[in-house]
Amino acid sequence: MRHDFFAEDSEEFEPVTFVKMKPDARERSRLRKASHTKPTKKTSYESSSAVQRWLKQQAYDVEPEAEQRQESSFKPMFLAGRRDSPWILSSLTPLYDQKLITDIIYEASSGKEATVFCCAAHVDTGQELLAAKIYRPRMFRSLRNDAVYRYSRVQRDEEGQAEHGNSRRGSAATRKSEKSRAAQVASWIEYEYLTQRIMYEHGADVPRPFAHIGNTVLMEYVGSRDQSAPRLSDVVLDVEEAQELFDCIMRNIELALVHGRIHGDLSEYNILYWEGKVSLIDFAQAVDPYHNSDVFSLFARDIDRICRYFSLYGVACDPNALARSIWTRHMGPLPELL
């Protein structure tokens, strides 16, 4: 376990927002709020005994005392009727027990690998809202397995010992046993949490991370009680703010590189926009450039995607020249230039 402390709307009216959202994005947001009501309750993969056993092993560093093993009082009404309620409850109960959250308010977003919930924060955190990002183990079957990702970070063997991503012995072992696969899943989640911590502590524009317990990362919530912050891909920017936001994102990309991280999958789809500011999210694919110099291609791709998005608003830049300039300034000459 890692633990660090640093009114429902009327159907007749849309939630008030000061963000210019694309029509289809606004409709998706509305449907997501209403999607928690299910007609039937079926068994999901995440409620299987193997997954629940993994969750129990990850939730605490030590076996809880007898009084902690009693049935939890955490029973959020939001989960009533949801097919995946056992899975969500198992994932979030440790956060409730540790006095980090008190309730689930709504589902903020959902993707192939994880679902993010807007939660009411416990008063001890000093926050009103927190975001709980819950990973689904079955989705790690399709998590990127490209060598450039696996060999560019520290991973964990089945005993939980750190081994560098370029250890082919370790990657082979990861495929052999359930215990090894569980260690790989835990390693990926822990790596995202640590990456976000590094970024936040060095002044990057990322949600403040609060805790990592099991398959869940708890962080600062970007948005309000009525509305989650939309992704950059879902908003229409004012031309006047585009250059400033572009410069801000480039500063974050450079800051990450200086402190040993490349996002690896950055685009307008994993940048949040709220009250005129951006927040970078989703660091599951992040890599360490000091472990593998071949990751320049990922670095250049991140910059190219951002440049292409902001070119729609008249921001002029040469992505290739920009990537090379930032890289050589902090990492030295590119291999082909040696």
Protein backbone atom coordinates (compact mmCIF):
# COMPACT_ATOMS: atom_id res chain seq x y z
CA MET A 1 0.00 0.00 0.00
CA ARG A 2 1.13 3.51 -0.75
CA HIS A 3 -0.49 6.35 1.11
CA ASP A 4 0.72 9.96 0.94
CA PHE A 5 -0.93 13.00 2.51
CA PHE A 6 0.37 16.16 1.47
CA ALA A 7 -27.89 17.95 -6.13
CA GLU A 8 -28.73 16.24 -8.76
CA ASP A 9 -29.67 18.39 -11.81
CA SER A 10 -33.23 18.79 -13.09
CA GLU A 11 -33.93 17.01 -16.36
CA GLU A 12 -35.13 20.31 -17.80
CA PHE A 13 -31.81 22.10 -17.44
CA GLU A 14 -28.25 21.31 -18.50
CA PRO A 15 -25.48 21.65 -15.90
CA VAL A 16 -23.97 25.14 -16.04
CA THR A 17 -20.55 25.11 -17.69
CA PHE A 18 -18.14 27.75 -18.87
CA VAL A 19 -16.38 25.37 -21.25
CA LYS A 20 -17.21 25.34 -24.95
CA MET A 21 -17.73 21.63 -25.50
CA LYS A 22 -18.36 19.87 -28.79
CA PRO A 23 -22.00 18.70 -29.07
CA ASP A 24 -21.15 14.99 -29.15
CA ALA A 25 -18.88 15.36 -26.12
CA ARG A 26 -21.63 17.06 -24.12
CA GLU A 27 -24.06 14.25 -25.00
CA ARG A 28 -21.53 11.58 -23.93
CA SER A 29 -21.09 13.38 -20.63
CA ARG A 30 -24.85 13.48 -20.05
CA LEU A 31 -25.28 9.78 -20.86
CA ARG A 32 -22.36 8.83 -18.61
CA LYS A 33 -24.12 10.46 -15.65
CA ALA A 34 -27.28 8.44 -16.28
CA SER A 35 -25.53 5.16 -17.10
CA HIS A 36 -25.23 3.84 -13.55
CA THR A 37 -28.82 2.55 -13.52
CA LYS A 38 -28.85 -1.01 -14.85
CA PRO A 39 -31.96 -3.15 -15.45
CA THR A 40 -30.25 -6.38 -14.40
CA LYS A 41 -27.26 -7.33 -12.33
CA LYS A 42 -24.93 -9.89 -13.91
CA THR A 43 -21.65 -11.40 -12.84
CA SER A 44 -18.58 -9.68 -14.26
CA TYR A 45 -15.04 -10.94 -14.79
CA GLU A 46 -13.82 -8.57 -12.08
CA SER A 47 -15.92 -10.35 -9.46
CA SER A 48 -14.14 -13.67 -10.08
CA SER A 49 -12.33 -15.34 -7.18
CA ALA A 50 -8.89 -14.87 -8.79
CA VAL A 51 -9.36 -11.12 -9.20
CA GLN A 52 -10.84 -10.71 -5.73
CA ARG A 53 -7.90 -12.64 -4.27
CA TRP A 54 -5.49 -10.29 -6.06
CA LEU A 55 -7.34 -7.27 -4.71
CA LYS A 56 -7.20 -8.59 -1.15
CA GLN A 57 -3.46 -9.20 -1.44
CA GLN A 58 -2.84 -5.70 -2.79
CA ALA A 59 -5.09 -3.75 -0.43
CA TYR A 60 -2.92 -3.86 2.71
CA ASP A 61 0.75 -4.25 3.49
CA VAL A 62 -0.10 -6.45 6.48
CA GLU A 63 -3.06 -8.62 7.47
CA PRO A 64 -5.73 -6.38 9.06
CA GLU A 65 -6.56 -6.81 12.70
CA ALA A 66 -9.75 -8.67 13.62
CA GLU A 67 -11.77 -5.49 14.03
CA GLN A 68 -10.69 -4.34 10.55
CA ARG A 69 -11.88 -7.58 8.96
CA GLN A 70 -15.50 -6.95 9.85
CA GLU A 71 -17.92 -5.92 7.14
CA SER A 72 -17.24 -2.39 5.92
CA SER A 73 -19.87 0.31 6.29
CA PHE A 74 -18.93 1.65 2.85
CA LYS A 75 -22.10 1.12 0.80
CA PRO A 76 -22.41 3.93 -1.77
CA MET A 77 -25.88 4.29 -3.29
CA PHE A 78 -24.27 5.04 -6.65
CA LEU A 79 -23.40 1.36 -7.05
CA ALA A 80 -26.98 0.09 -6.68
CA GLY A 81 -27.82 -2.09 -9.67
CA ARG A 82 -24.40 -1.88 -11.34
CA ARG A 83 -23.05 -5.08 -12.80
CA ASP A 84 -19.53 -4.21 -11.68
CA SER A 85 -20.48 -3.04 -8.18
CA PRO A 86 -18.58 -5.86 -6.36
CA TRP A 87 -15.43 -4.97 -8.24
CA ILE A 88 -15.71 -1.23 -7.62
CA LEU A 89 -16.57 -1.78 -3.96
CA SER A 90 -13.59 -4.10 -3.47
CA SER A 91 -11.32 -1.55 -5.12
CA LEU A 92 -12.51 1.52 -3.21
CA THR A 93 -13.23 0.11 0.26
CA PRO A 94 -9.53 0.35 1.32
CA LEU A 95 -9.64 4.07 0.48
CA TYR A 96 -12.74 4.44 2.62
CA ASP A 97 -11.15 2.46 5.47
CA GLN A 98 -8.06 4.69 5.31
CA LYS A 99 -10.24 7.81 5.62
CA LEU A 100 -9.49 9.09 2.15
CA ILE A 101 -12.97 9.02 0.60
CA THR A 102 -16.51 8.90 1.99
CA ASP A 103 -18.74 8.30 -1.04
CA ILE A 104 -18.90 7.87 -4.82
CA ILE A 105 -20.66 10.73 -6.59
CA TYR A 106 -20.50 9.75 -10.26
CA GLU A 107 -18.47 8.06 -12.97
CA ALA A 108 -16.23 10.71 -14.52
CA SER A 109 -14.78 8.70 -17.40
CA SER A 110 -14.25 5.16 -18.59
CA GLY A 111 -11.73 3.66 -20.99
CA LYS A 112 -10.32 0.30 -22.04
CA GLU A 113 -7.94 0.02 -19.10
CA ALA A 114 -9.55 1.97 -16.26
CA THR A 115 -12.58 3.85 -14.97
CA VAL A 116 -12.36 7.13 -13.05
CA PHE A 117 -14.90 8.00 -10.34
CA CYS A 118 -15.57 11.35 -8.74
CA CYS A 119 -15.55 10.68 -4.98
CA ALA A 120 -16.40 12.76 -1.95
CA ALA A 121 -13.15 13.27 -0.07
CA HIS A 122 -12.69 12.68 3.65
CA VAL A 123 -12.22 15.91 5.59
CA ASP A 124 -8.72 14.79 6.66
CA THR A 125 -7.49 15.11 3.05
CA GLY A 126 -8.30 18.82 2.90
CA GLN A 127 -10.14 18.27 -0.38
CA GLU A 128 -13.81 18.35 -1.31
CA LEU A 129 -13.49 15.88 -4.20
CA LEU A 130 -10.97 13.24 -5.24
CA ALA A 131 -10.64 11.14 -8.39
CA ALA A 132 -10.29 7.38 -7.97
CA LYS A 133 -8.82 5.68 -11.04
CA ILE A 134 -9.58 1.95 -10.93
CA TYR A 135 -7.71 -0.41 -13.23
CA ARG A 136 -9.31 -3.58 -14.55
CA PRO A 137 -6.89 -6.56 -14.50
CA ARG A 138 -8.41 -8.17 -17.60
CA MET A 139 -7.53 -5.06 -19.55
CA PHE A 140 -3.84 -5.63 -18.87
CA ARG A 141 -4.08 -8.48 -21.34
CA SER A 142 -4.23 -5.83 -24.04
CA LEU A 143 -1.91 -3.32 -22.35
CA ARG A 144 0.90 -2.28 -24.66
CA ASN A 145 3.59 -4.97 -24.73
CA ASP A 146 5.89 -3.28 -27.23
CA ALA A 147 9.53 -3.82 -26.39
CA VAL A 148 10.15 -0.07 -26.32
CA TYR A 149 7.73 0.19 -23.36
CA ARG A 150 8.70 -2.99 -21.52
CA TYR A 151 12.44 -2.41 -21.78
CA SER A 152 12.32 1.26 -20.76
CA ARG A 153 11.21 1.12 -17.13
CA VAL A 154 11.70 -0.71 -13.85
CA GLN A 155 9.41 -3.71 -13.45
CA ARG A 156 8.82 -6.21 -10.63
CA ASP A 157 9.48 -9.93 -10.61
CA GLU A 158 7.14 -12.39 -8.88
CA GLU A 159 8.86 -11.73 -5.55
CA GLY A 160 8.21 -8.02 -5.90
CA GLN A 161 11.89 -7.22 -6.50
CA ALA A 162 12.75 -4.40 -8.88
CA GLU A 163 14.30 -5.33 -12.19
CA HIS A 164 15.02 -3.08 -15.13
CA GLY A 165 12.70 -3.27 -18.09
CA ASN A 166 15.49 -4.53 -20.34
CA SER A 167 15.67 -7.78 -18.36
CA ARG A 168 14.38 -10.36 -20.84
CA ARG A 169 14.65 -13.01 -18.16
CA GLY A 170 12.13 -11.09 -16.09
CA SER A 171 9.74 -10.53 -18.97
CA ALA A 172 9.78 -14.24 -19.74
CA ALA A 173 9.07 -15.07 -16.11
CA THR A 174 6.15 -12.65 -16.16
CA ARG A 175 4.38 -14.92 -18.63
CA LYS A 176 4.75 -18.12 -16.60
CA SER A 177 2.63 -17.80 -13.50
CA GLU A 178 -0.41 -16.05 -12.09
CA LYS A 179 1.80 -14.62 -9.36
CA SER A 180 4.18 -13.14 -11.92
CA ARG A 181 1.36 -11.66 -13.97
CA ALA A 182 -0.10 -10.12 -10.80
CA ALA A 183 3.31 -8.60 -10.05
CA GLN A 184 3.41 -7.12 -13.55
CA VAL A 185 -0.03 -5.54 -13.13
CA ALA A 186 0.95 -4.08 -9.75
CA SER A 187 4.19 -2.77 -11.25
CA TRP A 188 2.39 -0.93 -14.07
CA ILE A 189 -0.04 0.76 -11.67
CA GLU A 190 2.70 1.67 -9.23
CA TYR A 191 4.78 3.14 -12.06
CA GLU A 192 1.95 5.42 -13.14
CA TYR A 193 1.47 6.62 -9.56
CA LEU A 194 5.18 7.28 -9.05
CA THR A 195 5.42 9.08 -12.40
CA GLN A 196 2.55 11.37 -11.44
CA ARG A 197 4.17 12.01 -8.05
CA ILE A 198 7.48 12.94 -9.68
CA MET A 199 5.73 15.28 -12.07
CA TYR A 200 3.62 16.95 -9.38
CA GLU A 201 6.52 17.41 -6.97
CA HIS A 202 8.52 19.19 -9.67
CA GLY A 203 5.77 21.63 -10.56
CA ALA A 204 4.11 19.95 -13.53
CA ASP A 205 0.47 20.55 -14.42
CA VAL A 206 -0.87 17.17 -13.31
CA PRO A 207 -3.52 16.22 -10.74
CA ARG A 208 -1.97 15.93 -7.29
CA PRO A 209 -1.60 12.22 -6.39
CA PHE A 210 -2.80 11.22 -2.94
CA ALA A 211 -2.52 7.45 -2.67
CA HIS A 212 -2.00 4.16 -4.46
CA ILE A 213 -3.72 1.14 -2.96
CA GLY A 214 -4.05 -2.10 -4.93
CA ASN A 215 -5.44 -1.41 -8.38
CA THR A 216 -6.52 2.16 -7.58
CA VAL A 217 -4.74 5.50 -7.85
CA LEU A 218 -6.33 8.35 -5.88
CA MET A 219 -5.67 11.89 -7.05
CA GLU A 220 -6.91 15.46 -7.08
CA TYR A 221 -10.21 15.84 -8.93
CA VAL A 222 -10.25 18.20 -11.90
CA GLY A 223 -13.77 19.48 -12.34
CA SER A 224 -16.74 20.16 -10.07
CA ARG A 225 -19.38 18.18 -8.22
CA ASP A 226 -21.65 18.60 -11.24
CA GLN A 227 -19.23 18.15 -14.11
CA SER A 228 -15.93 16.43 -14.81
CA ALA A 229 -13.29 18.38 -16.70
CA PRO A 230 -13.54 17.59 -20.42
CA ARG A 231 -10.58 16.37 -22.42
CA LEU A 232 -8.89 18.84 -24.72
CA SER A 233 -10.28 16.82 -27.64
CA ASP A 234 -13.82 17.65 -26.53
CA VAL A 235 -13.58 21.44 -26.22
CA VAL A 236 -13.43 24.36 -28.61
CA LEU A 237 -10.63 26.71 -27.56
CA ASP A 238 -10.50 30.42 -28.11
CA VAL A 239 -7.78 31.22 -30.62
CA GLU A 240 -6.34 33.76 -28.17
CA GLU A 241 -5.59 31.10 -25.53
CA ALA A 242 -4.16 28.44 -27.85
CA GLN A 243 -0.54 29.66 -27.89
CA GLU A 244 -0.37 29.95 -24.10
CA LEU A 245 -1.79 26.46 -23.61
CA PHE A 246 0.60 25.04 -26.23
CA ASP A 247 3.57 26.63 -24.46
CA CYS A 248 2.34 25.24 -21.14
CA ILE A 249 2.14 21.68 -22.50
CA MET A 250 5.61 21.97 -24.05
CA ARG A 251 6.95 23.14 -20.70
CA ASN A 252 5.45 20.04 -19.09
CA ILE A 253 6.92 17.73 -21.73
CA GLU A 254 10.36 19.25 -21.17
CA LEU A 255 9.99 19.17 -17.39
CA ALA A 256 9.10 15.48 -17.53
CA LEU A 257 12.16 14.71 -19.68
CA VAL A 258 14.47 16.54 -17.27
CA HIS A 259 13.18 14.35 -14.44
CA GLY A 260 13.39 11.07 -16.32
CA ARG A 261 9.97 10.61 -17.84
CA ILE A 262 8.38 10.59 -21.29
CA HIS A 263 4.59 10.36 -21.38
CA GLY A 264 4.72 7.98 -24.32
CA ASP A 265 1.10 8.39 -25.43
CA LEU A 266 0.39 12.11 -25.14
CA SER A 267 -2.33 13.72 -27.23
CA GLU A 268 -5.41 15.90 -26.85
CA TYR A 269 -7.21 12.81 -25.56
CA ASN A 270 -5.30 12.65 -22.26
CA ILE A 271 -5.10 16.32 -21.40
CA LEU A 272 -7.90 17.81 -19.30
CA TYR A 273 -9.12 21.39 -19.77
CA TRP A 274 -10.71 23.25 -16.88
CA GLU A 275 -11.13 26.97 -16.18
CA GLY A 276 -8.61 27.96 -18.83
CA LYS A 277 -5.89 25.54 -17.67
CA VAL A 278 -4.66 22.13 -18.78
CA SER A 279 -3.76 19.03 -16.75
CA LEU A 280 -1.83 16.09 -18.18
CA ILE A 281 -3.16 12.64 -17.22
CA ASP A 282 -2.82 8.92 -18.02
CA PHE A 283 0.83 8.03 -17.44
CA ALA A 284 0.43 4.26 -17.74
CA GLN A 285 2.63 4.22 -20.88
CA ALA A 286 5.34 6.51 -19.45
CA VAL A 287 8.96 5.46 -19.94
CA ASP A 288 12.34 6.46 -18.53
CA PRO A 289 14.70 7.85 -21.22
CA TYR A 290 17.72 6.98 -19.08
CA HIS A 291 16.91 3.26 -19.39
CA ASN A 292 16.58 3.19 -23.15
CA SER A 293 17.76 5.84 -25.61
CA ASP A 294 15.49 4.34 -28.30
CA VAL A 295 12.48 6.09 -26.75
CA PHE A 296 13.19 9.30 -28.65
CA SER A 297 10.59 8.12 -31.17
CA LEU A 298 7.93 8.20 -28.42
CA PHE A 299 9.10 11.64 -27.30
CA ALA A 300 8.93 12.97 -30.87
CA ARG A 301 5.50 11.42 -31.38
CA ASP A 302 4.13 13.14 -28.25
CA ILE A 303 5.32 16.50 -29.54
CA ASP A 304 4.06 15.85 -33.07
CA ARG A 305 0.55 15.07 -31.81
CA ILE A 306 0.41 18.24 -29.73
CA CYS A 307 1.70 20.35 -32.60
CA ARG A 308 -0.88 18.90 -34.99
CA TYR A 309 -3.71 19.60 -32.55
CA PHE A 310 -2.72 23.21 -31.92
CA SER A 311 -2.07 23.88 -35.61
CA LEU A 312 -5.88 23.89 -35.91
CA TYR A 313 -5.79 27.10 -33.85
CA GLY A 314 -3.02 28.74 -35.85
CA VAL A 315 -0.07 27.78 -33.62
CA ALA A 316 2.96 27.40 -35.88
CA CYS A 317 5.76 24.99 -34.97
CA ASP A 318 8.09 22.41 -36.48
CA PRO A 319 7.52 19.28 -34.36
CA ASN A 320 10.65 17.48 -35.53
CA ALA A 321 12.92 20.47 -34.89
CA LEU A 322 11.24 21.13 -31.55
CA ALA A 323 11.65 17.53 -30.38
CA ARG A 324 15.31 17.44 -31.39
CA SER A 325 16.01 20.79 -29.74
CA ILE A 326 14.50 19.80 -26.39
CA TRP A 327 16.09 16.33 -26.45
CA THR A 328 19.63 17.44 -27.27
CA ARG A 329 19.43 20.25 -24.71
CA HIS A 330 18.91 17.74 -21.87
CA MET A 331 19.89 14.30 -23.17
CA GLY A 332 22.76 15.06 -25.52
CA PRO A 333 23.06 14.27 -29.23
CA LEU A 334 20.67 11.82 -30.81
CA PRO A 335 22.27 8.41 -31.59
CA GLU A 336 22.27 9.01 -35.37
CA LEU A 337 24.06 12.31 -34.82
CA LEU A 338 26.96 10.78 -32.84
